[in-house]
C-alpha atoms as a PDB file:
ATOM      1  CA  UNK A   1      97.747 117.463  91.127  1.00  0.00           C
ATOM      2  CA  UNK A   2      95.832 115.129  88.412  1.00  0.00           C
ATOM      3  CA  UNK A   3      96.368 116.164  84.893  1.00  0.00           C
ATOM      4  CA  UNK A   4      97.731 118.930  83.120  1.00  0.00           C
ATOM      5  CA  UNK A   5     100.181 121.641  84.966  1.00  0.00           C
ATOM      6  CA  UNK A   6      99.341 124.964  87.701  1.00  0.00           C
ATOM      7  CA  UNK A   7     101.414 127.844  88.445  1.00  0.00           C
ATOM      8  CA  UNK A   8     100.276 129.062  92.106  1.00  0.00           C
ATOM      9  CA  UNK A   9     101.473 131.892  94.403  1.00  0.00           C
ATOM     10  CA  UNK A  10     100.914 133.077  97.949  1.00  0.00           C
ATOM     11  CA  UNK A  11     101.816 136.253 100.089  1.00  0.00           C
ATOM     12  CA  UNK A  12     102.497 135.537 103.921  1.00  0.00           C
ATOM     13  CA  UNK A  13     101.485 137.958 107.326  1.00  0.00           C
ATOM     14  CA  UNK A  14     105.189 138.522 107.162  1.00  0.00           C
ATOM     15  CA  UNK A  15     105.171 139.841 103.614  1.00  0.00           C
ATOM     16  CA  UNK A  16     107.522 136.991 101.806  1.00  0.00           C
ATOM     17  CA  UNK A  17     106.553 135.483  98.825  1.00  0.00           C
ATOM     18  CA  UNK A  18     106.551 132.505  97.133  1.00  0.00           C
ATOM     19  CA  UNK A  19     105.735 130.904  93.374  1.00  0.00           C
ATOM     20  CA  UNK A  20     106.521 127.396  92.449  1.00  0.00           C
ATOM     21  CA  UNK A  21     105.185 126.100  89.051  1.00  0.00           C
ATOM     22  CA  UNK A  22     103.477 122.115  89.693  1.00  0.00           C
ATOM     23  CA  UNK A  23     102.706 119.342  87.143  1.00  0.00           C
ATOM     24  CA  UNK A  24     100.977 115.871  88.613  1.00  0.00           C
ATOM     25  CA  UNK A  25     101.148 113.894  92.016  1.00  0.00           C
ATOM     26  CA  UNK A  26     102.640 116.667  93.342  1.00  0.00           C
ATOM     27  CA  UNK A  27     101.507 118.891  96.404  1.00  0.00           C
ATOM     28  CA  UNK A  28     100.576 122.023  97.680  1.00  0.00           C
ATOM     29  CA  UNK A  29      98.971 123.666 100.939  1.00  0.00           C
ATOM     30  CA  UNK A  30      98.003 127.096 101.856  1.00  0.00           C
ATOM     31  CA  UNK A  31      97.470 127.751 105.785  1.00  0.00           C
ATOM     32  CA  UNK A  32      94.331 128.853 106.463  1.00  0.00           C
ATOM     33  CA  UNK A  33      93.698 132.921 105.780  1.00  0.00           C
ATOM     34  CA  UNK A  34      96.959 133.146 103.556  1.00  0.00           C
ATOM     35  CA  UNK A  35      96.261 134.578 100.397  1.00  0.00           C
ATOM     36  CA  UNK A  36      96.828 132.936  97.160  1.00  0.00           C
ATOM     37  CA  UNK A  37      95.741 132.177  93.072  1.00  0.00           C
ATOM     38  CA  UNK A  38      96.086 129.424  90.682  1.00  0.00           C
ATOM     39  CA  UNK A  39      96.644 129.519  87.506  1.00  0.00           C
ATOM     40  CA  UNK A  40      96.308 126.553  84.826  1.00  0.00           C
ATOM     41  CA  UNK A  41      99.394 126.614  82.614  1.00  0.00           C
ATOM     42  CA  UNK A  42      99.132 125.190  78.631  1.00  0.00           C
ATOM     43  CA  UNK A  43      96.847 122.358  78.484  1.00  0.00           C
ATOM     44  CA  UNK A  44      95.123 123.166  81.846  1.00  0.00           C
ATOM     45  CA  UNK A  45      94.756 121.322  84.787  1.00  0.00           C
ATOM     46  CA  UNK A  46      92.731 119.414  86.806  1.00  0.00           C
ATOM     47  CA  UNK A  47      93.765 119.130  90.997  1.00  0.00           C
ATOM     48  CA  UNK A  48      91.475 117.434  94.509  1.00  0.00           C
ATOM     49  CA  UNK A  49      91.193 120.783  96.574  1.00  0.00           C
ATOM     50  CA  UNK A  50      91.120 119.345 100.366  1.00  0.00           C
ATOM     51  CA  UNK A  51      89.838 120.919 103.184  1.00  0.00           C
ATOM     52  CA  UNK A  52      90.848 120.313 107.162  1.00  0.00           C
ATOM     53  CA  UNK A  53      87.102 121.779 107.688  1.00  0.00           C
ATOM     54  CA  UNK A  54      84.163 120.045 106.646  1.00  0.00           C
ATOM     55  CA  UNK A  55      81.776 122.850 106.716  1.00  0.00           C
ATOM     56  CA  UNK A  56      83.915 125.162 104.316  1.00  0.00           C
ATOM     57  CA  UNK A  57      83.261 126.803 100.830  1.00  0.00           C
ATOM     58  CA  UNK A  58      85.928 127.207  98.125  1.00  0.00           C
ATOM     59  CA  UNK A  59      82.690 129.667  96.877  1.00  0.00           C
ATOM     60  CA  UNK A  60      82.661 131.758 100.079  1.00  0.00           C
ATOM     61  CA  UNK A  61      86.554 132.966 100.403  1.00  0.00           C
ATOM     62  CA  UNK A  62      87.690 136.161 100.389  1.00  0.00           C
ATOM     63  CA  UNK A  63      88.607 137.356  96.923  1.00  0.00           C
ATOM     64  CA  UNK A  64      90.200 140.601  95.380  1.00  0.00           C
ATOM     65  CA  UNK A  65      87.103 141.012  92.562  1.00  0.00           C
ATOM     66  CA  UNK A  66      84.832 140.870  95.171  1.00  0.00           C
ATOM     67  CA  UNK A  67      86.164 142.717  97.812  1.00  0.00           C
ATOM     68  CA  UNK A  68      86.398 145.517  94.765  1.00  0.00           C
ATOM     69  CA  UNK A  69      82.921 145.494  93.997  1.00  0.00           C
ATOM     70  CA  UNK A  70      81.234 145.839  96.988  1.00  0.00           C
ATOM     71  CA  UNK A  71      83.885 148.786  98.379  1.00  0.00           C
ATOM     72  CA  UNK A  72      82.580 152.497  97.089  1.00  0.00           C
ATOM     73  CA  UNK A  73      85.395 153.768  94.528  1.00  0.00           C
ATOM     74  CA  UNK A  74      86.443 156.073  96.719  1.00  0.00           C
ATOM     75  CA  UNK A  75      87.726 154.259  99.086  1.00  0.00           C
ATOM     76  CA  UNK A  76      89.684 151.898  96.722  1.00  0.00           C
ATOM     77  CA  UNK A  77      90.684 155.097  95.786  1.00  0.00           C
ATOM     78  CA  UNK A  78      92.008 156.950  99.493  1.00  0.00           C
ATOM     79  CA  UNK A  79      93.488 153.289 100.024  1.00  0.00           C
ATOM     80  CA  UNK A  80      96.046 152.999  96.522  1.00  0.00           C
ATOM     81  CA  UNK A  81      96.160 156.472  96.815  1.00  0.00           C
ATOM     82  CA  UNK A  82      95.464 156.471  92.600  1.00  0.00           C
ATOM     83  CA  UNK A  83      91.776 158.173  90.999  1.00  0.00           C
ATOM     84  CA  UNK A  84      88.674 157.244  90.958  1.00  0.00           C
ATOM     85  CA  UNK A  85      88.562 156.378  87.373  1.00  0.00           C
ATOM     86  CA  UNK A  86      90.703 153.766  87.791  1.00  0.00           C
ATOM     87  CA  UNK A  87      88.064 151.680  89.108  1.00  0.00           C
ATOM     88  CA  UNK A  88      85.451 151.991  86.057  1.00  0.00           C
ATOM     89  CA  UNK A  89      86.103 148.862  84.964  1.00  0.00           C
ATOM     90  CA  UNK A  90      86.145 147.057  87.677  1.00  0.00           C
ATOM     91  CA  UNK A  91      83.517 144.125  87.785  1.00  0.00           C
ATOM     92  CA  UNK A  92      80.330 144.375  89.355  1.00  0.00           C
ATOM     93  CA  UNK A  93      81.359 140.818  90.916  1.00  0.00           C
ATOM     94  CA  UNK A  94      82.835 137.985  92.325  1.00  0.00           C
ATOM     95  CA  UNK A  95      85.121 136.655  89.523  1.00  0.00           C
ATOM     96  CA  UNK A  96      86.560 133.326  90.645  1.00  0.00           C
ATOM     97  CA  UNK A  97      87.453 130.976  87.535  1.00  0.00           C
ATOM     98  CA  UNK A  98      88.302 132.881  84.402  1.00  0.00           C
ATOM     99  CA  UNK A  99      90.123 132.521  80.636  1.00  0.00           C
ATOM    100  CA  UNK A 100      93.138 134.974  80.798  1.00  0.00           C
ATOM    101  CA  UNK A 101      96.820 134.144  78.559  1.00  0.00           C
ATOM    102  CA  UNK A 102      98.980 131.388  80.037  1.00  0.00           C
ATOM    103  CA  UNK A 103     101.432 133.138  82.398  1.00  0.00           C
ATOM    104  CA  UNK A 104     104.690 133.664  81.182  1.00  0.00           C
ATOM    105  CA  UNK A 105     108.068 131.800  82.879  1.00  0.00           C
ATOM    106  CA  UNK A 106     108.983 132.012  86.633  1.00  0.00           C
ATOM    107  CA  UNK A 107     112.280 134.132  85.835  1.00  0.00           C
ATOM    108  CA  UNK A 108     109.328 136.902  83.910  1.00  0.00           C
ATOM    109  CA  UNK A 109     107.093 136.364  86.859  1.00  0.00           C
ATOM    110  CA  UNK A 110     109.416 137.047  90.089  1.00  0.00           C
ATOM    111  CA  UNK A 111     108.961 139.172  92.325  1.00  0.00           C
ATOM    112  CA  UNK A 112     111.370 139.939  95.010  1.00  0.00           C
ATOM    113  CA  UNK A 113     109.911 141.349  98.478  1.00  0.00           C
ATOM    114  CA  UNK A 114     111.927 142.956 100.717  1.00  0.00           C
ATOM    115  CA  UNK A 115     111.101 140.538 103.239  1.00  0.00           C
ATOM    116  CA  UNK A 116     112.163 137.749 101.928  1.00  0.00           C
ATOM    117  CA  UNK A 117     110.514 134.283 100.652  1.00  0.00           C
ATOM    118  CA  UNK A 118     108.475 132.379 102.941  1.00  0.00           C
ATOM    119  CA  UNK A 119     110.316 130.376 105.389  1.00  0.00           C
ATOM    120  CA  UNK A 120     108.580 126.592 104.665  1.00  0.00           C
ATOM    121  CA  UNK A 121     107.694 125.810 101.404  1.00  0.00           C
ATOM    122  CA  UNK A 122     104.215 125.775 100.392  1.00  0.00           C
ATOM    123  CA  UNK A 123     104.897 122.524  97.429  1.00  0.00           C
ATOM    124  CA  UNK A 124     105.475 118.845  97.762  1.00  0.00           C
ATOM    125  CA  UNK A 125     106.959 116.654  95.380  1.00  0.00           C
ATOM    126  CA  UNK A 126     105.010 113.907  95.866  1.00  0.00           C
ATOM    127  CA  UNK A 127     105.146 111.246  93.274  1.00  0.00           C
ATOM    128  CA  UNK A 128     109.444 111.862  93.277  1.00  0.00           C
ATOM    129  CA  UNK A 129     109.036 110.723  96.867  1.00  0.00           C
ATOM    130  CA  UNK A 130     111.003 107.110  97.333  1.00  0.00           C
ATOM    131  CA  UNK A 131     107.815 105.077  97.725  1.00  0.00           C
ATOM    132  CA  UNK A 132     107.744 102.166 101.141  1.00  0.00           C
ATOM    133  CA  UNK A 133     107.277  99.095  98.457  1.00  0.00           C
ATOM    134  CA  UNK A 134     105.831  96.030  99.325  1.00  0.00           C
ATOM    135  CA  UNK A 135     104.712  92.628  97.897  1.00  0.00           C
ATOM    136  CA  UNK A 136     101.557  94.471  96.293  1.00  0.00           C
ATOM    137  CA  UNK A 137     101.929  97.668  95.958  1.00  0.00           C
ATOM    138  CA  UNK A 138     102.905 100.903  97.551  1.00  0.00           C
ATOM    139  CA  UNK A 139     102.543 104.020  99.470  1.00  0.00           C
ATOM    140  CA  UNK A 140     104.022 107.563 100.024  1.00  0.00           C
ATOM    141  CA  UNK A 141     103.094 109.405 103.176  1.00  0.00           C
ATOM    142  CA  UNK A 142     102.931 112.294 103.155  1.00  0.00           C
ATOM    143  CA  UNK A 143     102.743 114.426 106.766  1.00  0.00           C
ATOM    144  CA  UNK A 144     104.332 117.320 108.590  1.00  0.00           C
ATOM    145  CA  UNK A 145     107.643 115.832 108.912  1.00  0.00           C
ATOM    146  CA  UNK A 146     108.317 115.664 105.657  1.00  0.00           C
ATOM    147  CA  UNK A 147     105.987 118.658 104.094  1.00  0.00           C
ATOM    148  CA  UNK A 148     106.514 121.406 107.056  1.00  0.00           C
ATOM    149  CA  UNK A 149     104.210 123.733 106.166  1.00  0.00           C
ATOM    150  CA  UNK A 150     101.290 120.836 105.979  1.00  0.00           C
ATOM    151  CA  UNK A 151      99.978 121.205 109.836  1.00  0.00           C
ATOM    152  CA  UNK A 152      96.251 120.320 109.270  1.00  0.00           C
ATOM    153  CA  UNK A 153      96.732 117.720 106.749  1.00  0.00           C
ATOM    154  CA  UNK A 154      98.558 114.246 106.151  1.00  0.00           C
ATOM    155  CA  UNK A 155      97.718 111.887 103.286  1.00  0.00           C
ATOM    156  CA  UNK A 156      99.433 109.081 101.925  1.00  0.00           C
ATOM    157  CA  UNK A 157      99.300 108.007  98.378  1.00  0.00           C
ATOM    158  CA  UNK A 158      98.418 104.165  98.144  1.00  0.00           C
ATOM    159  CA  UNK A 159      99.258 101.916  94.966  1.00  0.00           C
ATOM    160  CA  UNK A 160      97.433  98.436  94.918  1.00  0.00           C
ATOM    161  CA  UNK A 161      98.576  96.036  92.777  1.00  0.00           C
ATOM    162  CA  UNK A 162      95.836  93.114  91.033  1.00  0.00           C
ATOM    163  CA  UNK A 163      95.838  90.611  93.478  1.00  0.00           C
ATOM    164  CA  UNK A 164      96.501  93.349  96.770  1.00  0.00           C
ATOM    165  CA  UNK A 165      95.054  94.148  99.275  1.00  0.00           C
ATOM    166  CA  UNK A 166      95.447  97.571 101.325  1.00  0.00           C
ATOM    167  CA  UNK A 167      96.803  95.341 104.565  1.00  0.00           C
ATOM    168  CA  UNK A 168      93.775  95.067 107.817  1.00  0.00           C
ATOM    169  CA  UNK A 169      94.200  98.077 109.737  1.00  0.00           C
ATOM    170  CA  UNK A 170      92.803 101.007 111.208  1.00  0.00           C
ATOM    171  CA  UNK A 171      93.770 105.458 111.983  1.00  0.00           C
ATOM    172  CA  UNK A 172      94.627 105.987 116.268  1.00  0.00           C
ATOM    173  CA  UNK A 173      94.401 109.673 115.338  1.00  0.00           C
ATOM    174  CA  UNK A 174      91.355 110.497 113.068  1.00  0.00           C
ATOM    175  CA  UNK A 175      88.840 109.742 110.718  1.00  0.00           C
ATOM    176  CA  UNK A 176      90.098 109.165 107.068  1.00  0.00           C
ATOM    177  CA  UNK A 177      88.696 110.419 103.689  1.00  0.00           C
ATOM    178  CA  UNK A 178      89.584 108.221 100.780  1.00  0.00           C
ATOM    179  CA  UNK A 179      89.799 109.576  96.773  1.00  0.00           C
ATOM    180  CA  UNK A 180      90.349 107.171  94.255  1.00  0.00           C
ATOM    181  CA  UNK A 181      92.461 108.311  91.155  1.00  0.00           C
ATOM    182  CA  UNK A 182      92.181 104.927  89.325  1.00  0.00           C
ATOM    183  CA  UNK A 183      91.056 101.190  88.892  1.00  0.00           C
ATOM    184  CA  UNK A 184      88.268  99.644  90.989  1.00  0.00           C
ATOM    185  CA  UNK A 185      88.468  98.661  94.632  1.00  0.00           C
ATOM    186  CA  UNK A 186      86.471  96.981  97.484  1.00  0.00           C
ATOM    187  CA  UNK A 187      86.602  98.487 101.116  1.00  0.00           C
ATOM    188  CA  UNK A 188      85.022  96.745 103.515  1.00  0.00           C
ATOM    189  CA  UNK A 189      85.147  98.780 107.145  1.00  0.00           C
ATOM    190  CA  UNK A 190      84.434  97.066 110.654  1.00  0.00           C
ATOM    191  CA  UNK A 191      82.644  98.732 113.326  1.00  0.00           C
ATOM    192  CA  UNK A 192      82.343  96.183 115.951  1.00  0.00           C
ATOM    193  CA  UNK A 193      80.069  94.234 118.020  1.00  0.00           C
ATOM    194  CA  UNK A 194      79.324  92.530 114.491  1.00  0.00           C
ATOM    195  CA  UNK A 195      79.070  95.518 112.291  1.00  0.00           C
ATOM    196  CA  UNK A 196      80.733  96.182 108.636  1.00  0.00           C
ATOM    197  CA  UNK A 197      79.849  97.239 105.661  1.00  0.00           C
ATOM    198  CA  UNK A 198      81.872  96.713 102.148  1.00  0.00           C
ATOM    199  CA  UNK A 199      81.375  99.112  99.359  1.00  0.00           C
ATOM    200  CA  UNK A 200      82.784  99.322  95.832  1.00  0.00           C
ATOM    201  CA  UNK A 201      84.864 101.919  94.278  1.00  0.00           C
ATOM    202  CA  UNK A 202      86.147 103.567  91.091  1.00  0.00           C
ATOM    203  CA  UNK A 203      88.276 106.116  89.784  1.00  0.00           C
ATOM    204  CA  UNK A 204      86.387 109.400  90.942  1.00  0.00           C
ATOM    205  CA  UNK A 205      84.858 108.079  93.902  1.00  0.00           C
ATOM    206  CA  UNK A 206      84.905 109.340  97.392  1.00  0.00           C
ATOM    207  CA  UNK A 207      85.027 107.182 100.870  1.00  0.00           C
ATOM    208  CA  UNK A 208      84.830 107.451 104.489  1.00  0.00           C
ATOM    209  CA  UNK A 209      86.239 105.333 107.461  1.00  0.00           C
ATOM    210  CA  UNK A 210      85.096 106.518 111.055  1.00  0.00           C
ATOM    211  CA  UNK A 211      88.103 106.934 113.584  1.00  0.00           C
ATOM    212  CA  UNK A 212      89.761 104.149 114.840  1.00  0.00           C
ATOM    213  CA  UNK A 213      87.196 101.343 112.651  1.00  0.00           C
ATOM    214  CA  UNK A 214      89.391  98.336 111.503  1.00  0.00           C
ATOM    215  CA  UNK A 215      89.021  98.007 107.576  1.00  0.00           C
ATOM    216  CA  UNK A 216      90.962  96.931 104.457  1.00  0.00           C
ATOM    217  CA  UNK A 217      90.793  97.825 100.683  1.00  0.00           C
ATOM    218  CA  UNK A 218      91.061  94.986  98.082  1.00  0.00           C
ATOM    219  CA  UNK A 219      92.338  95.568  94.367  1.00  0.00           C
ATOM    220  CA  UNK A 220      88.909  94.408  92.191  1.00  0.00           C
ATOM    221  CA  UNK A 221      90.485  94.949  88.878  1.00  0.00           C
ATOM    222  CA  UNK A 222      92.942  93.905  86.271  1.00  0.00           C
ATOM    223  CA  UNK A 223      94.804  97.550  86.841  1.00  0.00           C
ATOM    224  CA  UNK A 224      96.957  99.065  89.751  1.00  0.00           C
ATOM    225  CA  UNK A 225      94.412 100.564  91.980  1.00  0.00           C
ATOM    226  CA  UNK A 226      95.741 104.134  93.045  1.00  0.00           C
ATOM    227  CA  UNK A 227      93.939 106.574  95.567  1.00  0.00           C
ATOM    228  CA  UNK A 228      94.444 108.755  98.549  1.00  0.00           C
ATOM    229  CA  UNK A 229      93.969 108.514 102.121  1.00  0.00           C
ATOM    230  CA  UNK A 230      93.647 111.835 103.793  1.00  0.00           C
ATOM    231  CA  UNK A 231      93.665 112.987 107.389  1.00  0.00           C
ATOM    232  CA  UNK A 232      93.000 115.827 109.469  1.00  0.00           C
ATOM    233  CA  UNK A 233      95.875 115.860 111.379  1.00  0.00           C
ATOM    234  CA  UNK A 234      99.909 117.231 111.012  1.00  0.00           C
ATOM    235  CA  UNK A 235     100.661 113.479 111.128  1.00  0.00           C
ATOM    236  CA  UNK A 236      99.849 110.046 109.570  1.00  0.00           C
ATOM    237  CA  UNK A 237      99.565 106.617 111.974  1.00  0.00           C
ATOM    238  CA  UNK A 238      98.083 103.857 111.187  1.00  0.00           C
ATOM    239  CA  UNK A 239      97.762 100.723 113.471  1.00  0.00           C
ATOM    240  CA  UNK A 240      98.775  97.423 111.261  1.00  0.00           C
ATOM    241  CA  UNK A 241      96.925  93.497 112.674  1.00  0.00           C
ATOM    242  CA  UNK A 242      99.667  91.181 111.235  1.00  0.00           C
ATOM    243  CA  UNK A 243     102.055  93.976 113.473  1.00  0.00           C
ATOM    244  CA  UNK A 244     100.094  94.414 116.442  1.00  0.00           C
ATOM    245  CA  UNK A 245      99.402  90.024 117.012  1.00  0.00           C
ATOM    246  CA  UNK A 246     103.094  89.797 115.991  1.00  0.00           C
ATOM    247  CA  UNK A 247     104.181  92.198 118.551  1.00  0.00           C
ATOM    248  CA  UNK A 248     102.060  90.719 121.017  1.00  0.00           C
ATOM    249  CA  UNK A 249     102.555  87.512 123.385  1.00  0.00           C
ATOM    250  CA  UNK A 250     101.872  84.210 120.984  1.00  0.00           C
ATOM    251  CA  UNK A 251     100.125  82.280 123.426  1.00  0.00           C
ATOM    252  CA  UNK A 252      98.094  85.343 124.070  1.00  0.00           C
ATOM    253  CA  UNK A 253      97.091  85.387 120.273  1.00  0.00           C
ATOM    254  CA  UNK A 254      96.465  82.132 119.753  1.00  0.00           C
ATOM    255  CA  UNK A 255      94.098  81.547 122.243  1.00  0.00           C
ATOM    256  CA  UNK A 256      91.837  84.494 121.970  1.00  0.00           C
ATOM    257  CA  UNK A 257      91.763  83.873 117.978  1.00  0.00           C
ATOM    258  CA  UNK A 258      92.055  79.821 117.996  1.00  0.00           C
ATOM    259  CA  UNK A 259      94.888  79.617 115.712  1.00  0.00           C
ATOM    260  CA  UNK A 260      98.107  77.419 115.529  1.00  0.00           C
ATOM    261  CA  UNK A 261     102.056  78.024 114.159  1.00  0.00           C
ATOM    262  CA  UNK A 262     101.197  77.899 110.468  1.00  0.00           C
ATOM    263  CA  UNK A 263      99.543  82.126 111.406  1.00  0.00           C
ATOM    264  CA  UNK A 264     101.862  82.489 114.466  1.00  0.00           C
ATOM    265  CA  UNK A 265     104.814  82.209 112.892  1.00  0.00           C
ATOM    266  CA  UNK A 266     103.602  84.136 109.661  1.00  0.00           C
ATOM    267  CA  UNK A 267     102.972  87.182 111.954  1.00  0.00           C
ATOM    268  CA  UNK A 268     105.349  90.148 110.761  1.00  0.00           C
ATOM    269  CA  UNK A 269     106.995  93.091 113.469  1.00  0.00           C
ATOM    270  CA  UNK A 270     107.397  95.142 109.923  1.00  0.00           C
ATOM    271  CA  UNK A 271     104.675  96.497 108.777  1.00  0.00           C
ATOM    272  CA  UNK A 272     103.902  95.758 105.414  1.00  0.00           C
ATOM    273  CA  UNK A 273     100.869  98.813 104.382  1.00  0.00           C
ATOM    274  CA  UNK A 274      99.706  96.881 101.443  1.00  0.00           C
ATOM    275  CA  UNK A 275      99.925  92.594 101.012  1.00  0.00           C
ATOM    276  CA  UNK A 276      99.521  90.437  98.043  1.00  0.00           C
ATOM    277  CA  UNK A 277      97.560  87.716  97.917  1.00  0.00           C
ATOM    278  CA  UNK A 278      98.985  83.522  98.039  1.00  0.00           C
ATOM    279  CA  UNK A 279      99.206  82.445  94.921  1.00  0.00           C
ATOM    280  CA  UNK A 280      97.447  85.049  92.625  1.00  0.00           C
ATOM    281  CA  UNK A 281      97.410  85.390  88.758  1.00  0.00           C
ATOM    282  CA  UNK A 282      95.347  87.163  85.749  1.00  0.00           C
ATOM    283  CA  UNK A 283      93.813  84.134  85.343  1.00  0.00           C
ATOM    284  CA  UNK A 284      92.148  83.219  88.955  1.00  0.00           C
ATOM    285  CA  UNK A 285      91.059  87.185  89.598  1.00  0.00           C
ATOM    286  CA  UNK A 286      87.771  88.494  89.096  1.00  0.00           C
ATOM    287  CA  UNK A 287      87.566  91.797  88.086  1.00  0.00           C
ATOM    288  CA  UNK A 288      84.252  92.230  90.384  1.00  0.00           C
END
């Protein structure tokens, strides 16, 4: 959820229902095929939809209005046990996004299912999650380990402060998609055999890193750069170049890249997802 508030509802295949309100920084996850709804609350809302199938279209889904519009009224009558006249005003085509009254409180809309509620929550409060804080920024990771229902999508919310950089790393389990939320950034991706590309990003841009390609992201602005890293996976995985080198025999690393004690003694065995330029100051920083 980017801006505003929304209410979601869902019913699973066992007839168990779920309803919740969400605000900025909150996540929801609907397993494939689970019927659901999203309603904007006061002042509306803006959110980012992510799908684990690149060929999927949110416009090509099973909706009540579309099914009603393309079903004979006698069939609807038989299915619901009411006269055909009950369907005289149904829409003639799919109703996708439309304006209606703001729903009442959660308590006023609660419906008890005879089968109970869903066993795993469809929502996660990402901003309420304590971040991994390092000099230069912070990271909040969400996957099936702390959001159990999320079996096919993992993500990280990354903050890079001015003068900071998402460290040199790669992901060993899948491609990476990014959505840039605020600020300005520059990403360089290295694919091996001397091939590399550098890209500039700002809020609203989408980035992509192929599987196992080394990359890093620099903040090129004067405010914090916030972005999402998104993966088709049940777990978030990354490999730190710094940590890899620190946990490999020093003689091997030193002889491979021709470095001495100054670098070898500075390597960290603990992973720092975001690092900071030594001696950085705003006066020395370019807005790129």
